[in-house]
Amino acid sequence: MAGTIKEIAEKAGVSRGTVDRALNNRGRVNPEVAERIFEIAREMNYQPKRKKKVYNQGKKIRIGVITQLAKSSFVKTIHAGIDKAEQELEEFGVEIIRKQIDGVSEDAQLEALEELSQEQIDGLAIMPVQSERIREKLNDMTEQNDLPIITFNSDIVGTNRVCYVGLDNKRSGMTAAGLMGMLTRGTGKVLVITGFFTNSVNNLRVDGFIQELKMSYPEIELLGVQSSFDEMSEVEKIVENTIEIAPDLAGIFVVSGGQAGVCKAMQNLNMETRPYVIGYDVTPTNIKALKEGTYDFLIDQEGFEQGYRPPHLLYNMIRKGEKIEKEYAYTDISIKTKYNL
């Protein structure tokens, strides 16, 4: 028997109004809460009430969606947004075909693109890997099949994609530099930890951070940018090794996954005065660290919106012939502290 909104609310520990807003996209709901609500709704086989009017007229629209780092906490919020868009567009004759890649793999993404080409999709939303082969493949798909493509979360230059939906990553890095400058009063040693040097999102955040430090806080000493491959154990090791060399480390900026390694390192070192820490994404682990005082700021990038918008934009282009006027549909750069979660 299918679950009800009341039962979902009881299991999620929220009000029925919150469940209704999440499932029907009526007003803003915390992405983590929305994700939990959608998971419970799926578990309970919740079936929304269908509108009596039949919208599914004409050719069925097939939209391909490719994500990477599919098992990460942040990308789960993106999947929740895709779930919501899929639920809303189903009655309009839209089928969403997903390809979820666990890591950041050029070969895996090329394989997914080839599979979607065989599926004869009408539109594509993709978190692209920054590579020449991916760039060429996307351009082939747009030119040969007149396929509209939207990038989200990560972008790729030199393609014919229609628009990008996601964070202005360079400006978010500049925002983090401003926060770090205020925390440290513009002095001290700062460490930057990235995930993959091949990840354009990471690189833009680092570039923005360094640019703003040089311009506004020239007395801050950057100890370097180290790669963790999005591994918690690597982040832990990097932090411990850096503090061993520079016990007066003033700040840590983590631009990618594996951020929980900072918490592990702080526990191991048992420092009386810890460095200031700025990271990304309002995930359960990061919320806990923020509340416990291990992190100072989180920069949220509205993952739910990043997953939700592209299918709707593609549907409006394909079915309604609407043009997308803006090349960049930026999500908000939202700064979270333990006081405004």
Protein backbone atom coordinates (compact mmCIF):
# COMPACT_ATOMS: atom_id res chain seq x y z
CA MET A 1 0.00 0.00 0.00
CA ALA A 2 1.36 3.42 -0.98
CA GLY A 3 2.42 5.79 1.78
CA THR A 4 0.70 9.09 2.50
CA ILE A 5 2.09 12.57 3.11
CA LYS A 6 1.19 12.19 6.78
CA GLU A 7 3.16 8.94 7.09
CA ILE A 8 6.14 10.40 5.26
CA ALA A 9 6.10 13.44 7.58
CA GLU A 10 6.03 11.23 10.68
CA LYS A 11 8.96 9.12 9.49
CA ALA A 12 10.99 12.16 8.38
CA GLY A 13 10.26 14.06 11.60
CA VAL A 14 8.92 17.12 9.78
CA SER A 15 5.53 18.72 9.25
CA ARG A 16 3.09 17.66 6.53
CA GLY A 17 3.49 21.15 5.07
CA THR A 18 7.24 20.62 4.65
CA VAL A 19 6.63 17.27 2.91
CA ASP A 20 4.06 18.87 0.61
CA ARG A 21 6.43 21.73 -0.27
CA ALA A 22 9.29 19.31 -0.99
CA LEU A 23 7.26 16.86 -3.08
CA ASN A 24 5.42 19.59 -4.99
CA ASN A 25 8.19 22.21 -5.17
CA ARG A 26 6.11 24.79 -3.29
CA GLY A 27 8.59 27.09 -1.59
CA ARG A 28 12.11 26.49 -0.36
CA VAL A 29 13.05 23.39 1.64
CA ASN A 30 16.53 22.61 3.00
CA PRO A 31 18.18 20.33 0.37
CA GLU A 32 19.17 17.74 2.98
CA VAL A 33 15.60 17.60 4.30
CA ALA A 34 14.22 17.40 0.76
CA GLU A 35 16.59 14.53 -0.04
CA ARG A 36 15.46 12.61 3.05
CA ILE A 37 11.80 13.22 2.18
CA PHE A 38 12.28 11.93 -1.38
CA GLU A 39 14.12 8.83 -0.12
CA ILE A 40 11.32 8.03 2.34
CA ALA A 41 8.68 8.70 -0.34
CA ARG A 42 10.39 6.20 -2.64
CA GLU A 43 10.69 3.63 0.15
CA MET A 44 6.98 4.00 0.95
CA ASN A 45 6.02 3.93 -2.76
CA TYR A 46 4.30 7.30 -2.46
CA GLN A 47 2.15 8.10 -5.49
CA PRO A 48 1.24 11.76 -6.06
CA LYS A 49 -2.26 12.62 -7.13
CA ARG A 50 -2.41 13.01 -10.88
CA LYS A 51 -4.05 15.94 -12.59
CA LYS A 52 -7.10 14.97 -14.56
CA LYS A 53 -5.97 16.84 -17.63
CA VAL A 54 -3.83 14.77 -19.98
CA TYR A 55 -0.72 16.64 -21.08
CA ASN A 56 1.18 13.82 -22.74
CA GLN A 57 0.33 14.61 -26.34
CA GLY A 58 2.57 14.02 -29.33
CA LYS A 59 6.06 12.51 -29.38
CA LYS A 60 7.57 11.39 -26.09
CA ILE A 61 10.56 13.49 -25.06
CA ARG A 62 13.67 11.64 -23.93
CA ILE A 63 16.17 13.63 -21.86
CA GLY A 64 19.54 12.15 -20.93
CA VAL A 65 21.18 13.15 -17.64
CA ILE A 66 24.80 12.32 -16.76
CA THR A 67 26.23 12.86 -13.28
CA GLN A 68 29.65 12.09 -11.82
CA LEU A 69 30.76 11.40 -8.23
CA ALA A 70 27.28 9.91 -7.95
CA LYS A 71 27.70 8.49 -4.43
CA SER A 72 28.99 11.68 -2.81
CA SER A 73 26.74 13.39 -0.28
CA PHE A 74 26.51 16.59 -2.29
CA VAL A 75 25.60 14.88 -5.57
CA LYS A 76 22.79 13.09 -3.74
CA THR A 77 21.14 16.49 -3.34
CA ILE A 78 21.50 16.97 -7.12
CA HIS A 79 19.82 13.60 -7.64
CA ALA A 80 16.95 14.74 -5.40
CA GLY A 81 16.43 17.71 -7.73
CA ILE A 82 16.47 15.41 -10.77
CA ASP A 83 13.94 13.15 -9.01
CA LYS A 84 11.63 16.11 -8.51
CA ALA A 85 11.94 17.27 -12.11
CA GLU A 86 11.31 13.73 -13.35
CA GLN A 87 8.17 13.47 -11.20
CA GLU A 88 6.81 16.77 -12.50
CA LEU A 89 7.63 16.19 -16.17
CA GLU A 90 6.44 12.61 -16.44
CA GLU A 91 2.83 13.62 -17.07
CA PHE A 92 4.02 15.90 -19.89
CA GLY A 93 5.46 12.93 -21.77
CA VAL A 94 9.07 13.27 -20.62
CA GLU A 95 11.31 10.29 -19.93
CA ILE A 96 14.59 10.96 -18.11
CA ILE A 97 17.38 8.49 -18.86
CA ARG A 98 20.14 8.64 -16.25
CA LYS A 99 23.77 7.66 -16.34
CA GLN A 100 25.36 7.92 -12.89
CA ILE A 101 29.16 7.63 -12.74
CA ASP A 102 30.74 7.02 -9.34
CA GLY A 103 34.05 8.81 -9.95
CA VAL A 104 35.46 11.43 -12.33
CA SER A 105 36.24 9.32 -15.40
CA GLU A 106 36.66 10.54 -18.95
CA ASP A 107 36.30 7.02 -20.37
CA ALA A 108 33.17 6.27 -18.32
CA GLN A 109 31.58 9.54 -19.42
CA LEU A 110 32.37 8.89 -23.07
CA GLU A 111 30.77 5.47 -22.76
CA ALA A 112 27.67 7.04 -21.16
CA LEU A 113 27.45 9.61 -23.98
CA GLU A 114 27.67 6.87 -26.58
CA GLU A 115 24.92 4.86 -24.86
CA LEU A 116 22.65 7.91 -24.75
CA SER A 117 23.33 8.56 -28.44
CA GLN A 118 22.00 5.08 -29.15
CA GLU A 119 18.92 5.86 -27.03
CA GLN A 120 18.08 8.70 -29.46
CA ILE A 121 17.63 11.32 -26.77
CA ASP A 122 16.09 14.73 -27.53
CA GLY A 123 18.17 16.70 -25.02
CA LEU A 124 21.11 16.23 -22.65
CA ALA A 125 22.04 17.58 -19.22
CA ILE A 126 25.58 16.72 -18.14
CA MET A 127 28.16 17.32 -15.42
CA PRO A 128 31.07 17.22 -17.90
CA VAL A 129 34.63 16.07 -17.34
CA GLN A 130 36.99 18.75 -18.66
CA SER A 131 38.74 16.99 -21.54
CA GLU A 132 39.25 17.37 -25.27
CA ARG A 133 37.56 14.04 -26.04
CA ILE A 134 34.44 15.01 -24.08
CA ARG A 135 34.43 18.42 -25.77
CA GLU A 136 34.62 16.84 -29.24
CA LYS A 137 31.91 14.30 -28.44
CA LEU A 138 29.50 16.96 -27.16
CA ASN A 139 30.07 19.12 -30.22
CA ASP A 140 29.50 16.12 -32.50
CA MET A 141 26.18 15.42 -30.76
CA THR A 142 25.01 19.03 -31.12
CA GLU A 143 26.11 19.38 -34.73
CA GLN A 144 25.06 15.99 -36.11
CA ASN A 145 21.82 15.55 -34.17
CA ASP A 146 20.93 19.19 -33.45
CA LEU A 147 20.87 18.15 -29.78
CA PRO A 148 20.39 20.84 -27.11
CA ILE A 149 22.90 20.34 -24.27
CA ILE A 150 22.94 21.98 -20.84
CA THR A 151 25.88 21.63 -18.47
CA PHE A 152 25.32 21.75 -14.72
CA ASN A 153 27.54 21.81 -11.63
CA SER A 154 30.62 21.76 -13.89
CA ASP A 155 31.04 23.51 -17.22
CA ILE A 156 33.22 22.88 -20.27
CA VAL A 157 34.60 25.58 -22.56
CA GLY A 158 34.67 25.34 -26.35
CA THR A 159 31.36 23.53 -26.76
CA ASN A 160 28.03 24.44 -28.28
CA ARG A 161 26.13 23.85 -25.05
CA VAL A 162 23.08 26.06 -24.57
CA CYS A 163 23.78 27.18 -21.02
CA TYR A 164 25.41 26.30 -17.70
CA VAL A 165 23.42 25.83 -14.48
CA GLY A 166 25.39 25.98 -11.26
CA LEU A 167 27.66 27.95 -9.01
CA ASP A 168 29.90 30.77 -10.20
CA ASN A 169 32.86 28.79 -8.90
CA LYS A 170 35.54 31.43 -9.33
CA ARG A 171 33.46 34.01 -7.47
CA SER A 172 32.77 31.47 -4.73
CA GLY A 173 36.53 31.05 -4.32
CA MET A 174 36.87 34.82 -4.05
CA THR A 175 34.11 34.77 -1.43
CA ALA A 176 36.04 32.16 0.57
CA ALA A 177 39.18 34.32 0.37
CA GLY A 178 37.25 37.28 1.73
CA LEU A 179 35.97 35.17 4.63
CA MET A 180 39.46 33.81 5.34
CA GLY A 181 40.91 37.32 5.26
CA MET A 182 38.37 38.50 7.83
CA LEU A 183 38.91 35.47 10.08
CA THR A 184 42.70 35.79 10.08
CA ARG A 185 42.73 39.60 10.02
CA GLY A 186 44.71 39.39 6.81
CA THR A 187 47.80 37.60 8.12
CA GLY A 188 49.10 34.08 8.66
CA LYS A 189 49.65 30.87 6.73
CA VAL A 190 46.85 29.27 4.73
CA LEU A 191 46.57 25.83 3.12
CA VAL A 192 44.35 25.00 0.12
CA ILE A 193 43.23 21.42 -0.50
CA THR A 194 41.68 20.49 -3.86
CA GLY A 195 40.39 17.19 -5.21
CA PHE A 196 41.55 16.60 -8.78
CA PHE A 197 43.69 19.07 -10.73
CA THR A 198 41.77 17.95 -13.82
CA ASN A 199 38.47 19.12 -12.30
CA SER A 200 37.55 22.53 -13.72
CA VAL A 201 35.23 23.27 -10.77
CA ASN A 202 38.06 22.79 -8.29
CA ASN A 203 40.45 24.85 -10.39
CA LEU A 204 38.09 27.79 -10.68
CA ARG A 205 37.53 27.88 -6.92
CA VAL A 206 41.27 27.78 -6.28
CA ASP A 207 41.93 30.47 -8.90
CA GLY A 208 39.34 32.78 -7.38
CA PHE A 209 40.68 32.21 -3.88
CA ILE A 210 44.30 32.91 -4.83
CA GLN A 211 43.39 35.93 -6.96
CA GLU A 212 41.47 37.57 -4.13
CA LEU A 213 44.16 36.78 -1.54
CA LYS A 214 46.82 38.45 -3.69
CA MET A 215 44.64 41.48 -4.31
CA SER A 216 43.08 42.08 -0.89
CA TYR A 217 45.20 40.15 1.62
CA PRO A 218 48.83 40.23 0.40
CA GLU A 219 50.18 39.46 3.88
CA ILE A 220 48.54 36.03 3.96
CA GLU A 221 51.09 33.35 3.06
CA LEU A 222 49.75 30.57 0.83
CA LEU A 223 51.51 27.33 1.76
CA GLY A 224 50.39 25.64 -1.42
CA VAL A 225 47.57 23.80 -3.14
CA GLN A 226 47.54 20.05 -2.52
CA SER A 227 45.45 17.36 -4.21
CA SER A 228 43.49 14.84 -2.15
CA PHE A 229 41.72 12.98 -5.00
CA ASP A 230 38.54 13.59 -2.98
CA GLU A 231 39.73 11.02 -0.42
CA MET A 232 39.09 11.66 3.28
CA SER A 233 42.29 9.82 4.29
CA GLU A 234 44.35 12.00 1.95
CA VAL A 235 42.83 15.20 3.36
CA GLU A 236 43.61 13.93 6.88
CA LYS A 237 47.23 13.20 5.92
CA ILE A 238 47.69 16.56 4.17
CA VAL A 239 46.41 18.50 7.19
CA GLU A 240 48.53 16.54 9.69
CA ASN A 241 51.70 16.84 7.59
CA THR A 242 51.17 20.56 7.02
CA ILE A 243 50.60 21.31 10.72
CA GLU A 244 53.69 19.30 11.62
CA ILE A 245 55.73 21.61 9.38
CA ALA A 246 53.73 24.76 10.15
CA PRO A 247 52.15 24.47 13.63
CA ASP A 248 51.05 28.11 13.35
CA LEU A 249 48.80 27.33 10.36
CA ALA A 250 46.05 29.97 10.38
CA GLY A 251 43.53 28.62 7.89
CA ILE A 252 42.44 25.71 5.69
CA PHE A 253 40.30 26.02 2.56
CA VAL A 254 38.92 22.73 1.17
CA VAL A 255 37.34 23.07 -2.27
CA SER A 256 36.24 19.48 -2.91
CA GLY A 257 35.33 16.10 -1.38
CA GLY A 258 36.95 14.33 1.53
CA GLN A 259 36.43 17.29 3.83
CA ALA A 260 35.74 15.02 6.81
CA GLY A 261 39.49 14.36 6.80
CA VAL A 262 39.93 17.79 8.39
CA CYS A 263 37.83 16.65 11.37
CA LYS A 264 39.84 13.44 11.69
CA ALA A 265 43.11 15.36 11.64
CA MET A 266 41.89 17.80 14.29
CA GLN A 267 40.87 14.89 16.53
CA ASN A 268 44.24 13.21 16.09
CA LEU A 269 46.23 16.38 16.74
CA ASN A 270 44.09 17.51 19.69
CA MET A 271 45.07 21.15 19.14
CA GLU A 272 44.24 23.81 21.69
CA THR A 273 43.79 26.40 18.94
CA ARG A 274 42.81 25.03 15.56
CA PRO A 275 43.15 26.72 12.14
CA TYR A 276 40.08 28.38 10.68
CA VAL A 277 38.32 26.06 8.21
CA ILE A 278 36.16 26.90 5.18
CA GLY A 279 34.58 24.16 3.06
CA TYR A 280 31.77 23.49 0.62
CA ASP A 281 28.29 21.99 0.74
CA VAL A 282 25.66 21.52 3.42
CA THR A 283 25.98 17.74 3.79
CA PRO A 284 25.23 15.80 7.01
CA THR A 285 28.93 15.39 7.85
CA ASN A 286 29.69 19.06 7.22
CA ILE A 287 26.65 20.19 9.21
CA LYS A 288 27.91 18.15 12.17
CA ALA A 289 31.39 19.66 11.87
CA LEU A 290 29.96 23.16 11.66
CA LYS A 291 27.76 22.68 14.71
CA GLU A 292 30.61 21.15 16.72
CA GLY A 293 32.93 24.04 15.86
CA THR A 294 35.43 22.20 13.65
CA TYR A 295 34.48 24.29 10.62
CA ASP A 296 33.80 28.02 10.55
CA PHE A 297 31.98 28.49 7.23
CA LEU A 298 30.38 26.35 4.55
CA ILE A 299 29.65 27.62 1.06
CA ASP A 300 26.46 26.03 -0.23
CA GLN A 301 25.79 25.82 -3.98
CA GLU A 302 22.11 24.73 -4.06
CA GLY A 303 22.59 21.21 -5.40
CA PHE A 304 18.85 20.55 -5.54
CA GLU A 305 18.37 23.46 -7.93
CA GLN A 306 21.29 22.28 -10.08
CA GLY A 307 19.53 18.96 -10.61
CA TYR A 308 16.03 20.39 -10.89
CA ARG A 309 16.47 23.19 -13.44
CA PRO A 310 18.15 21.54 -16.48
CA PRO A 311 15.37 19.00 -17.31
CA HIS A 312 12.77 21.78 -17.11
CA LEU A 313 14.83 24.10 -19.31
CA LEU A 314 15.33 21.34 -21.88
CA TYR A 315 11.63 20.47 -21.85
CA ASN A 316 10.68 24.10 -22.45
CA MET A 317 13.13 24.29 -25.38
CA ILE A 318 12.08 21.02 -27.00
CA ARG A 319 8.30 21.05 -26.48
CA LYS A 320 7.55 24.77 -26.29
CA GLY A 321 10.34 26.18 -28.46
CA GLU A 322 11.44 28.58 -25.72
CA LYS A 323 14.89 30.12 -26.09
CA ILE A 324 17.30 30.35 -23.19
CA GLU A 325 18.43 33.97 -23.08
CA LYS A 326 21.15 33.71 -20.41
CA GLU A 327 24.23 31.59 -20.99
CA TYR A 328 24.87 31.28 -17.24
CA ALA A 329 22.07 30.37 -14.82
CA TYR A 330 24.00 30.79 -11.58
CA THR A 331 22.77 29.39 -8.29
CA ASP A 332 23.26 31.43 -5.11
CA ILE A 333 26.57 31.54 -3.26
CA SER A 334 25.12 30.85 0.17
CA ILE A 335 27.36 31.22 3.26
CA LYS A 336 26.37 28.98 6.17
CA THR A 337 27.44 29.14 9.80
CA LYS A 338 26.21 27.08 12.74
CA TYR A 339 23.75 29.89 13.43
CA ASN A 340 21.88 29.92 10.11
CA LEU A 341 21.70 26.26 9.12
